[in-house]
Amino acid sequence: MEKDKLKLTSSEIGTLWGEYVNGTMTDVVNRYMFSIIEDESIKNIFEDAIKTFEKQKKQIVIIMENEGFPVPIGFTESDLNKGAERLFTDIFCLNYLHIMTLHGLLGHITSLGVSVRKDLRDYYDSFDNDAKKMYHQTIELLLEKGNFQRDPLFYPSRNPEFISSQDFTDGFFGKGRRLAATEIISISFNLKKSIMAKTLSIGFSQVSQSKEVRKFLERSEKTADGQIQSLTKIMHKDNLPAPKSWETEVTTSTDSPFSDKLMLYHMGFLFQAAQLYHGAGLASAMRTDLATVYEGVILKNLIVTKEWFNIMVKNKWLEQPPLAPNRKEIAKEK
């Protein structure tokens, strides 16, 4: 079979669906932030992000329509309440774009990794290049404004060393060794993600119209804060700084810029994505206390995700991804 005529595989369909739904969610948030940002340099980057996704969205739609698959509903202008009061500061908006760009980079690479058709590989390769460009732009601007939070600095030892004791894994009761640089990668990464999740929970809970959604957002804030406290304690134990919080970057507005559906979906997306990062942290942890913290965080995230799923389904807000054919049901129809 000619490679240009290959049918889409289940994995390729799944990545297209996920790229579209998650992309439209982020695009609605980006459009709102673009409308409230006053700093022209930050506004310009958001304008680039909006134009970039518009191009990507058209490419995804063309492929799905050509293959006879329905284009997902995702999120649209109906999920954006134009003219809403400012909910976030310009700096938080820039940090948000940076973190979501990191999520996009991972998503595009995953999509590329399961794609066989050349047109899809070319698309995802270009998506990844777009995200890398945005990644560099956000970092440069955050550095320029003095708001990029670098990870803790390390002073190099004189010579390479080998692990010489079983105590290397012991982190309890103050007997364990100091954190390894390989462990700090995930700790810092997860802290920054949890800090953003907490900040969004605070902002979203202020403006949510539904009492049920508001209560969930308040619980998700507490869950994210618990994760921040647990990982920060590990860092402080070794006299290492943790990233600063962003709660003060949320205004006191109660005027909702988004639908409750979008805000709830967004939090679910962040908690589900966090599971991947926490899993990576657990895999890299060689200290028992750190591994225990990650295990607890993952368990609490599962509980939050289950509650999120129930609310989304109850309100008919959770769009169903393409399913494998039900062969038994097809056989019954004959």
Protein backbone atom coordinates (compact mmCIF):
# COMPACT_ATOMS: atom_id res chain seq x y z
CA MET A 1 0.00 0.00 0.00
CA GLU A 2 1.26 3.46 -0.90
CA LYS A 3 2.37 5.31 2.22
CA ASP A 4 0.32 8.39 1.28
CA LYS A 5 -2.87 6.30 1.19
CA LEU A 6 -2.50 4.62 4.56
CA LYS A 7 -5.64 4.64 6.71
CA LEU A 8 -5.43 6.32 10.09
CA THR A 9 -4.64 3.98 12.97
CA SER A 10 -6.46 4.14 16.31
CA SER A 11 -3.46 5.88 17.87
CA GLU A 12 -3.32 8.47 15.09
CA ILE A 13 -7.03 9.16 15.45
CA GLY A 14 -6.61 9.50 19.22
CA THR A 15 -3.77 12.01 18.91
CA LEU A 16 -5.69 14.13 16.39
CA TRP A 17 -8.72 14.13 18.68
CA GLY A 18 -6.64 15.08 21.74
CA GLU A 19 -4.68 17.77 19.90
CA TYR A 20 -7.94 19.37 18.75
CA VAL A 21 -9.86 19.28 22.06
CA ASN A 22 -6.95 20.35 24.27
CA GLY A 23 -5.81 22.90 21.70
CA THR A 24 -9.20 24.58 21.49
CA MET A 25 -9.36 24.75 25.29
CA THR A 26 -6.00 26.52 25.52
CA ASP A 27 -6.88 28.74 22.57
CA VAL A 28 -9.98 30.10 24.34
CA VAL A 29 -7.87 30.94 27.41
CA ASN A 30 -5.18 32.53 25.23
CA ARG A 31 -7.80 34.68 23.46
CA TYR A 32 -9.12 35.94 26.78
CA MET A 33 -5.63 36.69 28.08
CA PHE A 34 -4.79 38.49 24.84
CA SER A 35 -7.82 40.73 25.39
CA ILE A 36 -6.76 41.83 28.90
CA ILE A 37 -2.95 42.03 28.59
CA GLU A 38 -1.56 45.56 28.66
CA ASP A 39 2.15 44.83 28.15
CA GLU A 40 2.74 44.97 24.37
CA SER A 41 5.67 42.51 24.39
CA ILE A 42 3.55 39.87 26.18
CA LYS A 43 0.54 40.67 23.99
CA ASN A 44 2.62 40.05 20.85
CA ILE A 45 3.58 36.55 21.99
CA PHE A 46 -0.05 35.69 22.68
CA GLU A 47 -0.98 36.96 19.23
CA ASP A 48 1.62 34.56 17.77
CA ALA A 49 0.20 31.69 19.85
CA ILE A 50 -3.35 32.35 18.62
CA LYS A 51 -2.26 32.52 14.96
CA THR A 52 -0.17 29.37 15.33
CA PHE A 53 -3.04 27.32 16.72
CA GLU A 54 -5.43 28.62 14.05
CA LYS A 55 -3.07 27.17 11.44
CA GLN A 56 -2.74 23.87 13.32
CA LYS A 57 -6.50 23.61 13.84
CA LYS A 58 -7.18 23.92 10.10
CA GLN A 59 -4.67 21.15 9.35
CA ILE A 60 -6.24 18.80 11.89
CA VAL A 61 -9.76 19.48 10.56
CA ILE A 62 -8.71 18.76 6.96
CA ILE A 63 -7.24 15.38 7.90
CA MET A 64 -10.23 14.30 9.98
CA GLU A 65 -12.75 15.37 7.36
CA ASN A 66 -10.83 13.65 4.57
CA GLU A 67 -10.84 10.43 6.60
CA GLY A 68 -14.55 10.65 7.37
CA PHE A 69 -14.16 11.19 11.12
CA PRO A 70 -16.35 13.81 12.83
CA VAL A 71 -14.46 16.87 14.01
CA PRO A 72 -14.72 17.17 17.83
CA ILE A 73 -16.72 20.02 19.31
CA GLY A 74 -13.94 20.94 21.72
CA PHE A 75 -14.19 24.52 22.97
CA THR A 76 -15.51 27.49 21.03
CA GLU A 77 -16.40 31.17 21.34
CA SER A 78 -19.44 30.08 23.39
CA ASP A 79 -17.02 29.15 26.20
CA LEU A 80 -15.58 32.67 26.27
CA ASN A 81 -17.42 35.52 27.96
CA LYS A 82 -16.12 38.59 26.19
CA GLY A 83 -15.76 41.77 28.17
CA ALA A 84 -15.20 40.01 31.50
CA GLU A 85 -13.09 41.85 34.05
CA ARG A 86 -9.40 41.09 34.39
CA LEU A 87 -8.85 37.90 36.42
CA PHE A 88 -5.07 37.49 36.03
CA THR A 89 -2.07 39.82 35.83
CA ASP A 90 0.08 40.10 32.71
CA ILE A 91 2.94 38.19 34.34
CA PHE A 92 0.74 35.27 35.29
CA CYS A 93 -0.55 35.15 31.70
CA LEU A 94 3.03 34.90 30.44
CA ASN A 95 3.86 32.17 32.96
CA TYR A 96 0.66 30.34 31.95
CA LEU A 97 1.67 30.42 28.28
CA HIS A 98 5.12 29.10 29.18
CA ILE A 99 3.78 26.16 31.20
CA MET A 100 1.11 25.28 28.64
CA THR A 101 3.77 25.41 25.92
CA LEU A 102 5.67 22.75 27.86
CA HIS A 103 2.52 20.62 27.89
CA GLY A 104 2.18 21.21 24.15
CA LEU A 105 5.76 20.13 23.48
CA LEU A 106 5.18 16.83 25.26
CA GLY A 107 1.85 16.32 23.48
CA HIS A 108 3.28 16.97 20.02
CA ILE A 109 6.23 14.62 20.59
CA THR A 110 3.85 11.89 21.81
CA SER A 111 1.66 12.40 18.73
CA LEU A 112 4.71 12.26 16.46
CA GLY A 113 5.94 9.11 18.18
CA VAL A 114 2.77 7.11 17.37
CA SER A 115 2.23 8.47 13.84
CA VAL A 116 3.19 6.48 10.75
CA ARG A 117 1.59 8.45 7.93
CA LYS A 118 4.01 10.97 6.46
CA ASP A 119 1.50 13.82 6.36
CA LEU A 120 0.85 13.38 10.10
CA ARG A 121 4.55 13.15 10.89
CA ASP A 122 5.16 16.33 8.93
CA TYR A 123 2.32 18.11 10.71
CA TYR A 124 3.44 17.10 14.19
CA ASP A 125 7.03 17.93 13.34
CA SER A 126 5.91 21.45 12.41
CA PHE A 127 3.70 21.66 15.52
CA ASP A 128 6.72 20.74 17.64
CA ASN A 129 8.85 23.39 15.92
CA ASP A 130 6.13 25.97 16.60
CA ALA A 131 6.07 24.97 20.28
CA LYS A 132 9.86 25.11 20.56
CA LYS A 133 9.83 28.62 19.10
CA MET A 134 7.16 29.65 21.62
CA TYR A 135 9.14 27.99 24.44
CA HIS A 136 12.20 30.10 23.63
CA GLN A 137 10.11 33.27 23.29
CA THR A 138 8.40 32.85 26.67
CA ILE A 139 11.67 32.10 28.48
CA GLU A 140 13.46 35.06 26.90
CA LEU A 141 10.66 37.45 27.86
CA LEU A 142 10.36 36.05 31.40
CA LEU A 143 14.14 36.47 31.83
CA GLU A 144 13.97 39.99 30.42
CA LYS A 145 11.27 40.91 32.93
CA GLY A 146 13.07 39.20 35.81
CA ASN A 147 10.25 36.71 36.36
CA PHE A 148 11.71 33.41 35.20
CA GLN A 149 12.18 31.05 38.13
CA ARG A 150 15.36 29.06 37.66
CA ASP A 151 15.91 25.78 39.45
CA PRO A 152 18.35 25.62 42.42
CA LEU A 153 22.01 26.11 41.56
CA PHE A 154 24.51 23.33 42.23
CA TYR A 155 28.18 23.66 43.05
CA PRO A 156 30.18 20.92 41.31
CA SER A 157 32.18 18.38 43.27
CA ARG A 158 35.82 17.91 42.36
CA ASN A 159 35.60 14.35 41.07
CA PRO A 160 32.99 11.78 39.91
CA GLU A 161 31.82 9.47 42.69
CA PHE A 162 30.12 6.07 42.99
CA ILE A 163 27.36 5.10 45.40
CA SER A 164 29.08 3.29 48.25
CA SER A 165 26.28 2.58 50.75
CA GLN A 166 22.73 1.23 50.95
CA ASP A 167 21.96 4.38 52.96
CA PHE A 168 21.77 6.22 49.62
CA THR A 169 18.07 5.35 49.45
CA ASP A 170 17.27 6.35 53.03
CA GLY A 171 15.59 9.72 53.37
CA PHE A 172 13.72 9.27 56.64
CA PHE A 173 14.57 10.63 60.09
CA GLY A 174 17.25 12.95 58.74
CA LYS A 175 19.70 10.10 58.12
CA GLY A 176 19.52 10.19 54.32
CA ARG A 177 21.82 11.82 51.83
CA ARG A 178 21.12 15.09 50.06
CA LEU A 179 18.91 15.30 47.01
CA ALA A 180 20.47 14.26 43.72
CA ALA A 181 20.39 16.64 40.76
CA THR A 182 18.45 13.98 38.82
CA GLU A 183 15.72 14.05 41.50
CA ILE A 184 15.51 17.84 41.59
CA ILE A 185 14.57 17.89 37.89
CA SER A 186 11.18 16.34 38.61
CA ILE A 187 10.66 18.08 41.97
CA SER A 188 11.07 21.54 40.44
CA PHE A 189 9.02 20.60 37.39
CA ASN A 190 6.17 19.24 39.49
CA LEU A 191 6.25 22.20 41.87
CA LYS A 192 5.83 24.67 39.02
CA LYS A 193 2.92 22.67 37.56
CA SER A 194 1.21 22.41 40.96
CA ILE A 195 1.69 26.12 41.62
CA MET A 196 -0.06 26.95 38.36
CA ALA A 197 -2.86 24.44 39.08
CA LYS A 198 -3.40 26.02 42.51
CA THR A 199 -3.45 29.54 41.07
CA LEU A 200 -5.96 28.61 38.36
CA SER A 201 -8.11 26.85 40.98
CA ILE A 202 -8.21 30.03 43.04
CA GLY A 203 -9.10 32.21 40.06
CA PHE A 204 -11.65 29.80 38.62
CA SER A 205 -13.35 29.24 41.99
CA GLN A 206 -13.89 33.01 42.34
CA VAL A 207 -15.82 33.23 39.09
CA SER A 208 -17.54 29.84 38.73
CA GLN A 209 -21.32 30.03 38.39
CA SER A 210 -22.00 26.50 39.64
CA LYS A 211 -21.85 25.73 43.35
CA GLU A 212 -20.82 22.14 42.58
CA VAL A 213 -17.99 23.25 40.30
CA ARG A 214 -16.89 25.90 42.80
CA LYS A 215 -16.63 23.31 45.58
CA PHE A 216 -14.59 21.02 43.34
CA LEU A 217 -12.25 23.88 42.46
CA GLU A 218 -11.78 24.67 46.14
CA ARG A 219 -10.90 21.03 46.79
CA SER A 220 -8.53 20.96 43.83
CA GLU A 221 -6.82 24.05 45.26
CA LYS A 222 -6.27 22.24 48.56
CA THR A 223 -5.00 19.15 46.73
CA ALA A 224 -2.51 21.20 44.71
CA ASP A 225 -1.43 23.08 47.83
CA GLY A 226 -0.83 19.79 49.65
CA GLN A 227 1.42 18.64 46.83
CA ILE A 228 3.30 21.93 46.91
CA GLN A 229 3.82 21.68 50.67
CA SER A 230 5.05 18.07 50.49
CA LEU A 231 7.60 18.73 47.74
CA THR A 232 8.67 22.08 49.22
CA LYS A 233 9.38 20.36 52.54
CA ILE A 234 11.71 17.95 50.74
CA MET A 235 13.55 20.87 49.11
CA HIS A 236 13.82 22.93 52.30
CA LYS A 237 15.21 19.91 54.14
CA ASP A 238 18.31 20.30 51.97
CA ASN A 239 18.27 24.11 52.21
CA LEU A 240 17.15 24.41 48.59
CA PRO A 241 14.69 27.12 47.48
CA ALA A 242 11.30 26.24 46.07
CA PRO A 243 9.57 28.27 43.31
CA LYS A 244 7.47 31.19 44.54
CA SER A 245 3.69 31.05 44.48
CA TRP A 246 1.49 33.01 42.08
CA GLU A 247 -1.65 33.52 44.20
CA THR A 248 -1.13 37.30 44.24
CA GLU A 249 -1.32 37.30 40.42
CA VAL A 250 -5.07 36.62 40.70
CA THR A 251 -7.31 39.68 41.00
CA THR A 252 -10.45 39.88 43.15
CA SER A 253 -12.77 39.73 40.12
CA THR A 254 -15.90 37.57 40.33
CA ASP A 255 -16.80 38.17 36.68
CA SER A 256 -16.30 34.86 34.85
CA PRO A 257 -14.42 34.98 31.52
CA PHE A 258 -15.05 31.28 30.82
CA SER A 259 -17.80 28.69 30.89
CA ASP A 260 -17.83 26.36 33.89
CA LYS A 261 -17.35 23.52 31.42
CA LEU A 262 -14.05 24.96 30.21
CA MET A 263 -12.74 25.74 33.69
CA LEU A 264 -13.57 22.28 35.00
CA TYR A 265 -12.12 20.56 31.94
CA HIS A 266 -8.95 22.62 32.27
CA MET A 267 -8.39 21.49 35.85
CA GLY A 268 -8.99 17.88 34.87
CA PHE A 269 -6.45 18.24 32.06
CA LEU A 270 -3.85 19.58 34.49
CA PHE A 271 -4.40 16.85 37.08
CA GLN A 272 -4.26 14.12 34.45
CA ALA A 273 -1.12 15.58 32.89
CA ALA A 274 0.40 15.85 36.37
CA GLN A 275 0.10 12.08 36.80
CA LEU A 276 2.62 11.63 34.00
CA TYR A 277 5.07 14.06 35.60
CA HIS A 278 4.60 12.59 39.09
CA GLY A 279 5.15 9.12 37.64
CA ALA A 280 8.42 10.30 36.12
CA GLY A 281 9.37 11.78 39.49
CA LEU A 282 8.62 8.49 41.23
CA ALA A 283 10.72 6.60 38.68
CA SER A 284 13.69 8.92 39.25
CA ALA A 285 13.39 8.97 43.06
CA MET A 286 16.09 6.97 44.84
CA ARG A 287 15.26 8.26 48.32
CA THR A 288 12.49 6.43 50.17
CA ASP A 289 10.92 9.59 51.62
CA LEU A 290 10.70 11.18 48.15
CA ALA A 291 9.19 8.02 46.65
CA THR A 292 6.61 7.96 49.45
CA VAL A 293 5.64 11.58 48.76
CA TYR A 294 5.14 10.83 45.07
CA GLU A 295 3.03 7.76 45.84
CA GLY A 296 0.78 9.86 48.08
CA VAL A 297 0.49 12.63 45.48
CA ILE A 298 -0.44 10.16 42.73
CA LEU A 299 -3.12 8.55 44.91
CA LYS A 300 -4.69 11.93 45.79
CA ASN A 301 -4.64 12.96 42.13
CA LEU A 302 -6.54 9.78 41.24
CA ILE A 303 -9.22 10.65 43.80
CA VAL A 304 -9.53 14.20 42.42
CA THR A 305 -9.65 12.93 38.83
CA LYS A 306 -12.44 10.49 39.66
CA GLU A 307 -14.51 13.28 41.24
CA TRP A 308 -13.80 15.49 38.22
CA PHE A 309 -14.96 12.73 35.85
CA ASN A 310 -18.23 12.29 37.73
CA ILE A 311 -19.07 16.01 37.60
CA MET A 312 -18.16 16.29 33.92
CA VAL A 313 -20.33 13.30 32.99
CA LYS A 314 -23.22 14.46 35.17
CA ASN A 315 -23.31 17.81 33.36
CA LYS A 316 -22.76 16.21 29.90
CA TRP A 317 -19.59 18.24 29.46
CA LEU A 318 -17.17 15.40 28.70
CA GLU A 319 -16.89 14.77 24.99
CA GLN A 320 -16.38 11.11 24.13
CA PRO A 321 -13.23 10.21 22.19
CA PRO A 322 -13.52 7.79 19.23
CA LEU A 323 -14.22 4.24 20.45
CA ALA A 324 -13.21 0.88 19.03
CA PRO A 325 -16.09 -0.83 17.13
CA ASN A 326 -18.45 -2.90 19.30
CA ARG A 327 -18.35 -6.16 17.34
CA LYS A 328 -21.07 -7.82 19.43
CA GLU A 329 -23.49 -4.97 18.81
CA ILE A 330 -22.69 -4.99 15.09
CA ALA A 331 -23.37 -8.74 14.95
CA LYS A 332 -26.76 -8.26 16.68
CA GLU A 333 -27.87 -5.80 14.00
CA LYS A 334 -27.86 -8.48 11.30
